PDB file of N, CA and C in Angstrom:
ATOM      1  N   MET A   1      -1.053  20.941  -7.655  1.00  0.00           N
ATOM      2  CA  MET A   1      -1.107  19.606  -7.102  1.00  0.00           C
ATOM      3  C   MET A   1       0.299  19.181  -6.721  1.00  0.00           C
ATOM      4  N   SER A   2       0.457  18.638  -5.532  1.00  0.00           N
ATOM      5  CA  SER A   2       1.768  18.251  -5.046  1.00  0.00           C
ATOM      6  C   SER A   2       2.204  16.936  -5.665  1.00  0.00           C
ATOM      7  N   SER A   3       3.508  16.741  -5.722  1.00  0.00           N
ATOM      8  CA  SER A   3       4.033  15.494  -6.277  1.00  0.00           C
ATOM      9  C   SER A   3       4.344  14.555  -5.123  1.00  0.00           C
ATOM     10  N   SER A   4       3.359  13.778  -4.730  1.00  0.00           N
ATOM     11  CA  SER A   4       3.545  12.833  -3.643  1.00  0.00           C
ATOM     12  C   SER A   4       3.632  11.428  -4.211  1.00  0.00           C
ATOM     13  N   LYS A   5       4.254  10.543  -3.460  1.00  0.00           N
ATOM     14  CA  LYS A   5       4.475   9.183  -3.914  1.00  0.00           C
ATOM     15  C   LYS A   5       3.160   8.416  -3.954  1.00  0.00           C
ATOM     16  N   ARG A   6       2.889   7.763  -5.082  1.00  0.00           N
ATOM     17  CA  ARG A   6       1.701   6.926  -5.231  1.00  0.00           C
ATOM     18  C   ARG A   6       2.144   5.506  -5.519  1.00  0.00           C
ATOM     19  N   LEU A   7       1.515   4.550  -4.839  1.00  0.00           N
ATOM     20  CA  LEU A   7       1.859   3.144  -4.981  1.00  0.00           C
ATOM     21  C   LEU A   7       0.591   2.323  -5.162  1.00  0.00           C
ATOM     22  N   VAL A   8       0.739   1.148  -5.761  1.00  0.00           N
ATOM     23  CA  VAL A   8      -0.368   0.210  -5.916  1.00  0.00           C
ATOM     24  C   VAL A   8       0.012  -1.067  -5.183  1.00  0.00           C
ATOM     25  N   GLY A   9      -0.908  -1.577  -4.360  1.00  0.00           N
ATOM     26  CA  GLY A   9      -0.614  -2.776  -3.592  1.00  0.00           C
ATOM     27  C   GLY A   9      -1.857  -3.570  -3.279  1.00  0.00           C
ATOM     28  N   LEU A  10      -1.667  -4.586  -2.448  1.00  0.00           N
ATOM     29  CA  LEU A  10      -2.714  -5.519  -2.091  1.00  0.00           C
ATOM     30  C   LEU A  10      -2.999  -5.426  -0.598  1.00  0.00           C
ATOM     31  N   VAL A  11      -4.274  -5.336  -0.229  1.00  0.00           N
ATOM     32  CA  VAL A  11      -4.650  -5.254   1.185  1.00  0.00           C
ATOM     33  C   VAL A  11      -4.451  -6.635   1.827  1.00  0.00           C
ATOM     34  N   VAL A  12      -3.624  -6.684   2.884  1.00  0.00           N
ATOM     35  CA  VAL A  12      -3.368  -7.953   3.566  1.00  0.00           C
ATOM     36  C   VAL A  12      -4.050  -8.025   4.925  1.00  0.00           C
ATOM     37  N   SER A  13      -4.489  -6.880   5.467  1.00  0.00           N
ATOM     38  CA  SER A  13      -5.203  -6.871   6.745  1.00  0.00           C
ATOM     39  C   SER A  13      -6.105  -5.650   6.816  1.00  0.00           C
ATOM     40  N   ASP A  14      -7.312  -5.859   7.366  1.00  0.00           N
ATOM     41  CA  ASP A  14      -8.234  -4.731   7.555  1.00  0.00           C
ATOM     42  C   ASP A  14      -8.779  -4.720   8.976  1.00  0.00           C
ATOM     43  N   ARG A  15      -8.052  -5.335   9.887  1.00  0.00           N
ATOM     44  CA  ARG A  15      -8.535  -5.455  11.269  1.00  0.00           C
ATOM     45  C   ARG A  15      -8.617  -4.132  12.025  1.00  0.00           C
ATOM     46  N   PRO A  16      -7.576  -3.283  12.012  1.00  0.00           N
ATOM     47  CA  PRO A  16      -7.690  -2.035  12.787  1.00  0.00           C
ATOM     48  C   PRO A  16      -8.787  -1.132  12.229  1.00  0.00           C
ATOM     49  N   ASP A  17      -9.410  -0.342  13.078  1.00  0.00           N
ATOM     50  CA  ASP A  17     -10.454   0.580  12.648  1.00  0.00           C
ATOM     51  C   ASP A  17      -9.831   1.735  11.873  1.00  0.00           C
ATOM     52  N   LYS A  18     -10.408   2.040  10.702  1.00  0.00           N
ATOM     53  CA  LYS A  18      -9.962   3.120   9.824  1.00  0.00           C
ATOM     54  C   LYS A  18      -8.525   2.949   9.347  1.00  0.00           C
ATOM     55  N   THR A  19      -8.033   1.718   9.331  1.00  0.00           N
ATOM     56  CA  THR A  19      -6.671   1.438   8.893  1.00  0.00           C
ATOM     57  C   THR A  19      -6.658   0.130   8.117  1.00  0.00           C
ATOM     58  N   VAL A  20      -5.864   0.084   7.045  1.00  0.00           N
ATOM     59  CA  VAL A  20      -5.608  -1.170   6.342  1.00  0.00           C
ATOM     60  C   VAL A  20      -4.104  -1.323   6.183  1.00  0.00           C
ATOM     61  N   VAL A  21      -3.654  -2.562   6.097  1.00  0.00           N
ATOM     62  CA  VAL A  21      -2.246  -2.841   5.859  1.00  0.00           C
ATOM     63  C   VAL A  21      -2.131  -3.278   4.410  1.00  0.00           C
ATOM     64  N   VAL A  22      -1.284  -2.564   3.655  1.00  0.00           N
ATOM     65  CA  VAL A  22      -1.146  -2.803   2.221  1.00  0.00           C
ATOM     66  C   VAL A  22       0.258  -3.300   1.939  1.00  0.00           C
ATOM     67  N   SER A  23       0.364  -4.402   1.203  1.00  0.00           N
ATOM     68  CA  SER A  23       1.644  -4.967   0.809  1.00  0.00           C
ATOM     69  C   SER A  23       1.950  -4.519  -0.616  1.00  0.00           C
ATOM     70  N   VAL A  24       3.094  -3.855  -0.788  1.00  0.00           N
ATOM     71  CA  VAL A  24       3.513  -3.361  -2.100  1.00  0.00           C
ATOM     72  C   VAL A  24       4.747  -4.151  -2.527  1.00  0.00           C
ATOM     73  N   ILE A  25       4.685  -4.735  -3.718  1.00  0.00           N
ATOM     74  CA  ILE A  25       5.800  -5.522  -4.238  1.00  0.00           C
ATOM     75  C   ILE A  25       6.467  -4.731  -5.353  1.00  0.00           C
ATOM     76  N   ARG A  26       7.813  -4.659  -5.300  1.00  0.00           N
ATOM     77  CA  ARG A  26       8.561  -4.011  -6.370  1.00  0.00           C
ATOM     78  C   ARG A  26       9.660  -4.949  -6.821  1.00  0.00           C
ATOM     79  N   LYS A  27      10.021  -4.864  -8.083  1.00  0.00           N
ATOM     80  CA  LYS A  27      11.059  -5.722  -8.644  1.00  0.00           C
ATOM     81  C   LYS A  27      12.377  -4.956  -8.661  1.00  0.00           C
ATOM     82  N   VAL A  28      13.432  -5.628  -8.154  1.00  0.00           N
ATOM     83  CA  VAL A  28      14.748  -5.003  -8.047  1.00  0.00           C
ATOM     84  C   VAL A  28      15.759  -5.917  -8.716  1.00  0.00           C
ATOM     85  N   LEU A  29      16.681  -5.341  -9.454  1.00  0.00           N
ATOM     86  CA  LEU A  29      17.732  -6.106 -10.109  1.00  0.00           C
ATOM     87  C   LEU A  29      18.789  -6.508  -9.087  1.00  0.00           C
ATOM     88  N   HIS A  30      19.055  -7.802  -8.972  1.00  0.00           N
ATOM     89  CA  HIS A  30      20.080  -8.299  -8.049  1.00  0.00           C
ATOM     90  C   HIS A  30      21.452  -7.876  -8.559  1.00  0.00           C
ATOM     91  N   ARG A  31      22.277  -7.369  -7.661  1.00  0.00           N
ATOM     92  CA  ARG A  31      23.554  -6.800  -8.091  1.00  0.00           C
ATOM     93  C   ARG A  31      24.510  -7.837  -8.649  1.00  0.00           C
ATOM     94  N   ARG A  32      24.555  -9.001  -8.041  1.00  0.00           N
ATOM     95  CA  ARG A  32      25.511 -10.014  -8.501  1.00  0.00           C
ATOM     96  C   ARG A  32      24.947 -10.871  -9.629  1.00  0.00           C
ATOM     97  N   TYR A  33      23.724 -11.352  -9.456  1.00  0.00           N
ATOM     98  CA  TYR A  33      23.185 -12.327 -10.401  1.00  0.00           C
ATOM     99  C   TYR A  33      22.409 -11.721 -11.557  1.00  0.00           C
ATOM    100  N   LYS A  34      22.235 -10.413 -11.539  1.00  0.00           N
ATOM    101  CA  LYS A  34      21.556  -9.703 -12.631  1.00  0.00           C
ATOM    102  C   LYS A  34      20.185 -10.298 -12.942  1.00  0.00           C
ATOM    103  N   LYS A  35      19.489 -10.678 -11.889  1.00  0.00           N
ATOM    104  CA  LYS A  35      18.173 -11.269 -12.021  1.00  0.00           C
ATOM    105  C   LYS A  35      17.211 -10.443 -11.178  1.00  0.00           C
ATOM    106  N   TYR A  36      15.980 -10.290 -11.653  1.00  0.00           N
ATOM    107  CA  TYR A  36      15.007  -9.500 -10.907  1.00  0.00           C
ATOM    108  C   TYR A  36      14.415 -10.316  -9.767  1.00  0.00           C
ATOM    109  N   VAL A  37      14.395  -9.725  -8.581  1.00  0.00           N
ATOM    110  CA  VAL A  37      13.815 -10.364  -7.406  1.00  0.00           C
ATOM    111  C   VAL A  37      12.742  -9.442  -6.839  1.00  0.00           C
ATOM    112  N   ASN A  38      11.769 -10.034  -6.144  1.00  0.00           N
ATOM    113  CA  ASN A  38      10.677  -9.257  -5.557  1.00  0.00           C
ATOM    114  C   ASN A  38      11.070  -8.739  -4.191  1.00  0.00           C
ATOM    115  N   ARG A  39      10.818  -7.479  -3.936  1.00  0.00           N
ATOM    116  CA  ARG A  39      10.980  -6.880  -2.617  1.00  0.00           C
ATOM    117  C   ARG A  39       9.594  -6.428  -2.174  1.00  0.00           C
ATOM    118  N   ARG A  40       9.266  -6.765  -0.930  1.00  0.00           N
ATOM    119  CA  ARG A  40       7.928  -6.508  -0.411  1.00  0.00           C
ATOM    120  C   ARG A  40       8.031  -5.565   0.787  1.00  0.00           C
ATOM    121  N   HIS A  41       7.109  -4.623   0.866  1.00  0.00           N
ATOM    122  CA  HIS A  41       7.057  -3.721   2.016  1.00  0.00           C
ATOM    123  C   HIS A  41       5.599  -3.527   2.396  1.00  0.00           C
ATOM    124  N   LYS A  42       5.326  -3.510   3.697  1.00  0.00           N
ATOM    125  CA  LYS A  42       3.960  -3.310   4.173  1.00  0.00           C
ATOM    126  C   LYS A  42       3.800  -1.878   4.677  1.00  0.00           C
ATOM    127  N   TYR A  43       2.730  -1.245   4.260  1.00  0.00           N
ATOM    128  CA  TYR A  43       2.427   0.117   4.661  1.00  0.00           C
ATOM    129  C   TYR A  43       1.103   0.138   5.411  1.00  0.00           C
ATOM    130  N   TYR A  44       1.035   0.939   6.469  1.00  0.00           N
ATOM    131  CA  TYR A  44      -0.212   1.195   7.167  1.00  0.00           C
ATOM    132  C   TYR A  44      -0.870   2.384   6.487  1.00  0.00           C
ATOM    133  N   VAL A  45      -2.123   2.214   6.093  1.00  0.00           N
ATOM    134  CA  VAL A  45      -2.815   3.201   5.264  1.00  0.00           C
ATOM    135  C   VAL A  45      -4.096   3.646   5.957  1.00  0.00           C
ATOM    136  N   HIS A  46      -4.341   4.954   5.947  1.00  0.00           N
ATOM    137  CA  HIS A  46      -5.549   5.511   6.553  1.00  0.00           C
ATOM    138  C   HIS A  46      -6.728   5.309   5.607  1.00  0.00           C
ATOM    139  N   ASP A  47      -7.748   4.595   6.084  1.00  0.00           N
ATOM    140  CA  ASP A  47      -8.967   4.314   5.326  1.00  0.00           C
ATOM    141  C   ASP A  47     -10.140   4.790   6.182  1.00  0.00           C
ATOM    142  N   ALA A  48     -10.481   6.066   6.087  1.00  0.00           N
ATOM    143  CA  ALA A  48     -11.451   6.689   6.984  1.00  0.00           C
ATOM    144  C   ALA A  48     -12.836   6.050   6.908  1.00  0.00           C
ATOM    145  N   GLU A  49     -13.223   5.552   5.737  1.00  0.00           N
ATOM    146  CA  GLU A  49     -14.574   5.015   5.561  1.00  0.00           C
ATOM    147  C   GLU A  49     -14.632   3.497   5.657  1.00  0.00           C
ATOM    148  N   ASN A  50     -13.517   2.847   5.979  1.00  0.00           N
ATOM    149  CA  ASN A  50     -13.431   1.380   6.049  1.00  0.00           C
ATOM    150  C   ASN A  50     -13.970   0.732   4.773  1.00  0.00           C
ATOM    151  N   ARG A  51     -13.514   1.234   3.608  1.00  0.00           N
ATOM    152  CA  ARG A  51     -13.987   0.734   2.314  1.00  0.00           C
ATOM    153  C   ARG A  51     -13.321  -0.566   1.892  1.00  0.00           C
ATOM    154  N   CYS A  52     -12.097  -0.814   2.343  1.00  0.00           N
ATOM    155  CA  CYS A  52     -11.308  -1.933   1.833  1.00  0.00           C
ATOM    156  C   CYS A  52     -11.534  -3.199   2.627  1.00  0.00           C
ATOM    157  N   LYS A  53     -11.331  -4.321   1.934  1.00  0.00           N
ATOM    158  CA  LYS A  53     -11.322  -5.619   2.592  1.00  0.00           C
ATOM    159  C   LYS A  53     -10.099  -6.391   2.107  1.00  0.00           C
ATOM    160  N   VAL A  54      -9.762  -7.457   2.782  1.00  0.00           N
ATOM    161  CA  VAL A  54      -8.581  -8.233   2.446  1.00  0.00           C
ATOM    162  C   VAL A  54      -8.698  -8.752   1.013  1.00  0.00           C
ATOM    163  N   GLY A  55      -7.633  -8.581   0.236  1.00  0.00           N
ATOM    164  CA  GLY A  55      -7.609  -9.053  -1.141  1.00  0.00           C
ATOM    165  C   GLY A  55      -7.844  -7.969  -2.168  1.00  0.00           C
ATOM    166  N   ASP A  56      -8.239  -6.764  -1.753  1.00  0.00           N
ATOM    167  CA  ASP A  56      -8.463  -5.670  -2.701  1.00  0.00           C
ATOM    168  C   ASP A  56      -7.137  -5.100  -3.186  1.00  0.00           C
ATOM    169  N   ARG A  57      -7.113  -4.717  -4.472  1.00  0.00           N
ATOM    170  CA  ARG A  57      -5.982  -3.951  -4.998  1.00  0.00           C
ATOM    171  C   ARG A  57      -6.322  -2.480  -4.805  1.00  0.00           C
ATOM    172  N   VAL A  58      -5.390  -1.713  -4.242  1.00  0.00           N
ATOM    173  CA  VAL A  58      -5.664  -0.315  -3.930  1.00  0.00           C
ATOM    174  C   VAL A  58      -4.517   0.571  -4.382  1.00  0.00           C
ATOM    175  N   GLU A  59      -4.846   1.831  -4.598  1.00  0.00           N
ATOM    176  CA  GLU A  59      -3.832   2.850  -4.864  1.00  0.00           C
ATOM    177  C   GLU A  59      -3.736   3.709  -3.608  1.00  0.00           C
ATOM    178  N   ILE A  60      -2.494   3.943  -3.145  1.00  0.00           N
ATOM    179  CA  ILE A  60      -2.273   4.728  -1.933  1.00  0.00           C
ATOM    180  C   ILE A  60      -1.361   5.895  -2.247  1.00  0.00           C
ATOM    181  N   GLU A  61      -1.435   6.926  -1.413  1.00  0.00           N
ATOM    182  CA  GLU A  61      -0.655   8.132  -1.631  1.00  0.00           C
ATOM    183  C   GLU A  61      -0.008   8.564  -0.326  1.00  0.00           C
ATOM    184  N   GLU A  62       1.239   8.986  -0.413  1.00  0.00           N
ATOM    185  CA  GLU A  62       1.959   9.467   0.760  1.00  0.00           C
ATOM    186  C   GLU A  62       1.344  10.782   1.230  1.00  0.00           C
ATOM    187  N   THR A  63       1.257  10.943   2.547  1.00  0.00           N
ATOM    188  CA  THR A  63       0.653  12.139   3.114  1.00  0.00           C
ATOM    189  C   THR A  63       1.347  12.478   4.431  1.00  0.00           C
ATOM    190  N   ARG A  64       0.891  13.509   5.085  1.00  0.00           N
ATOM    191  CA  ARG A  64       1.469  13.852   6.379  1.00  0.00           C
ATOM    192  C   ARG A  64       1.171  12.728   7.364  1.00  0.00           C
ATOM    193  N   PRO A  65       1.946  12.591   8.428  1.00  0.00           N
ATOM    194  CA  PRO A  65       1.688  11.512   9.383  1.00  0.00           C
ATOM    195  C   PRO A  65       0.305  11.632  10.015  1.00  0.00           C
ATOM    196  N   VAL A  66      -0.433  10.539   9.970  1.00  0.00           N
ATOM    197  CA  VAL A  66      -1.756  10.486  10.570  1.00  0.00           C
ATOM    198  C   VAL A  66      -1.642   9.941  11.986  1.00  0.00           C
ATOM    199  N   SER A  67      -0.706   9.011  12.176  1.00  0.00           N
ATOM    200  CA  SER A  67      -0.429   8.446  13.490  1.00  0.00           C
ATOM    201  C   SER A  67       1.022   7.990  13.501  1.00  0.00           C
ATOM    202  N   LYS A  68       1.388   7.221  14.498  1.00  0.00           N
ATOM    203  CA  LYS A  68       2.777   6.782  14.626  1.00  0.00           C
ATOM    204  C   LYS A  68       3.242   5.974  13.415  1.00  0.00           C
ATOM    205  N   LEU A  69       2.382   5.113  12.889  1.00  0.00           N
ATOM    206  CA  LEU A  69       2.774   4.242  11.783  1.00  0.00           C
ATOM    207  C   LEU A  69       2.158   4.622  10.443  1.00  0.00           C
ATOM    208  N   LYS A  70       1.086   5.401  10.450  1.00  0.00           N
ATOM    209  CA  LYS A  70       0.377   5.706   9.206  1.00  0.00           C
ATOM    210  C   LYS A  70       0.895   6.981   8.554  1.00  0.00           C
ATOM    211  N   HIS A  71       1.459   6.814   7.335  1.00  0.00           N
ATOM    212  CA  HIS A  71       1.941   7.947   6.559  1.00  0.00           C
ATOM    213  C   HIS A  71       1.387   7.932   5.139  1.00  0.00           C
ATOM    214  N   PHE A  72       0.391   7.072   4.900  1.00  0.00           N
ATOM    215  CA  PHE A  72      -0.242   6.966   3.593  1.00  0.00           C
ATOM    216  C   PHE A  72      -1.746   7.039   3.763  1.00  0.00           C
ATOM    217  N   ARG A  73      -2.426   7.456   2.688  1.00  0.00           N
ATOM    218  CA  ARG A  73      -3.883   7.472   2.700  1.00  0.00           C
ATOM    219  C   ARG A  73      -4.383   6.753   1.458  1.00  0.00           C
ATOM    220  N   LEU A  74      -5.604   6.252   1.549  1.00  0.00           N
ATOM    221  CA  LEU A  74      -6.210   5.513   0.444  1.00  0.00           C
ATOM    222  C   LEU A  74      -6.685   6.499  -0.619  1.00  0.00           C
ATOM    223  N   VAL A  75      -6.307   6.246  -1.878  1.00  0.00           N
ATOM    224  CA  VAL A  75      -6.772   7.075  -2.976  1.00  0.00           C
ATOM    225  C   VAL A  75      -7.998   6.431  -3.622  1.00  0.00           C
ATOM    226  N   LYS A  76      -7.862   5.159  -4.046  1.00  0.00           N
ATOM    227  CA  LYS A  76      -9.009   4.473  -4.611  1.00  0.00           C
ATOM    228  C   LYS A  76      -8.809   2.968  -4.563  1.00  0.00           C
ATOM    229  N   VAL A  77      -9.931   2.274  -4.603  1.00  0.00           N
ATOM    230  CA  VAL A  77      -9.927   0.812  -4.648  1.00  0.00           C
ATOM    231  C   VAL A  77      -9.986   0.421  -6.120  1.00  0.00           C
ATOM    232  N   LEU A  78      -8.994  -0.368  -6.568  1.00  0.00           N
ATOM    233  CA  LEU A  78      -8.909  -0.738  -7.967  1.00  0.00           C
ATOM    234  C   LEU A  78      -9.668  -2.017  -8.293  1.00  0.00           C
ATOM    235  N   GLY A  79     -10.062  -2.767  -7.269  1.00  0.00           N
ATOM    236  CA  GLY A  79     -10.831  -3.985  -7.488  1.00  0.00           C
ATOM    237  C   GLY A  79     -10.311  -5.125  -6.665  1.00  0.00           C
ATOM    238  N   ASP A  80     -10.920  -6.303  -6.896  1.00  0.00           N
ATOM    239  CA  ASP A  80     -10.512  -7.505  -6.174  1.00  0.00           C
ATOM    240  C   ASP A  80      -9.207  -8.045  -6.713  1.00  0.00           C
ATOM    241  N   LYS A  81      -8.640  -8.973  -5.964  1.00  0.00           N
ATOM    242  CA  LYS A  81      -7.395  -9.646  -6.362  1.00  0.00           C
ATOM    243  C   LYS A  81      -7.633 -10.372  -7.679  1.00  0.00           C
ATOM    244  N   GLN A  82      -6.692 -10.229  -8.615  1.00  0.00           N
ATOM    245  CA  GLN A  82      -6.861 -10.843  -9.934  1.00  0.00           C
ATOM    246  C   GLN A  82      -5.869 -11.933 -10.168  1.00  0.00           C
TER     247      GLN A  82
END
């Protein structure tokens, strides 16, 4: 099994066909103020079966490029927003 990057995020858009946009938040220590701040990044994720809807928590995995913007695929839906 390959060691590919796995992330957990929140689906913010499901408009494109077979694609969802997932927002992943990570906490980073600020260099000067030594306080944790949120950094957010949006990933385009391949969802072949259109399983996800806006508000779902999902696990995604890095994969070979599927299209110009999609480099992740859906692993599983973890549930609704909590």
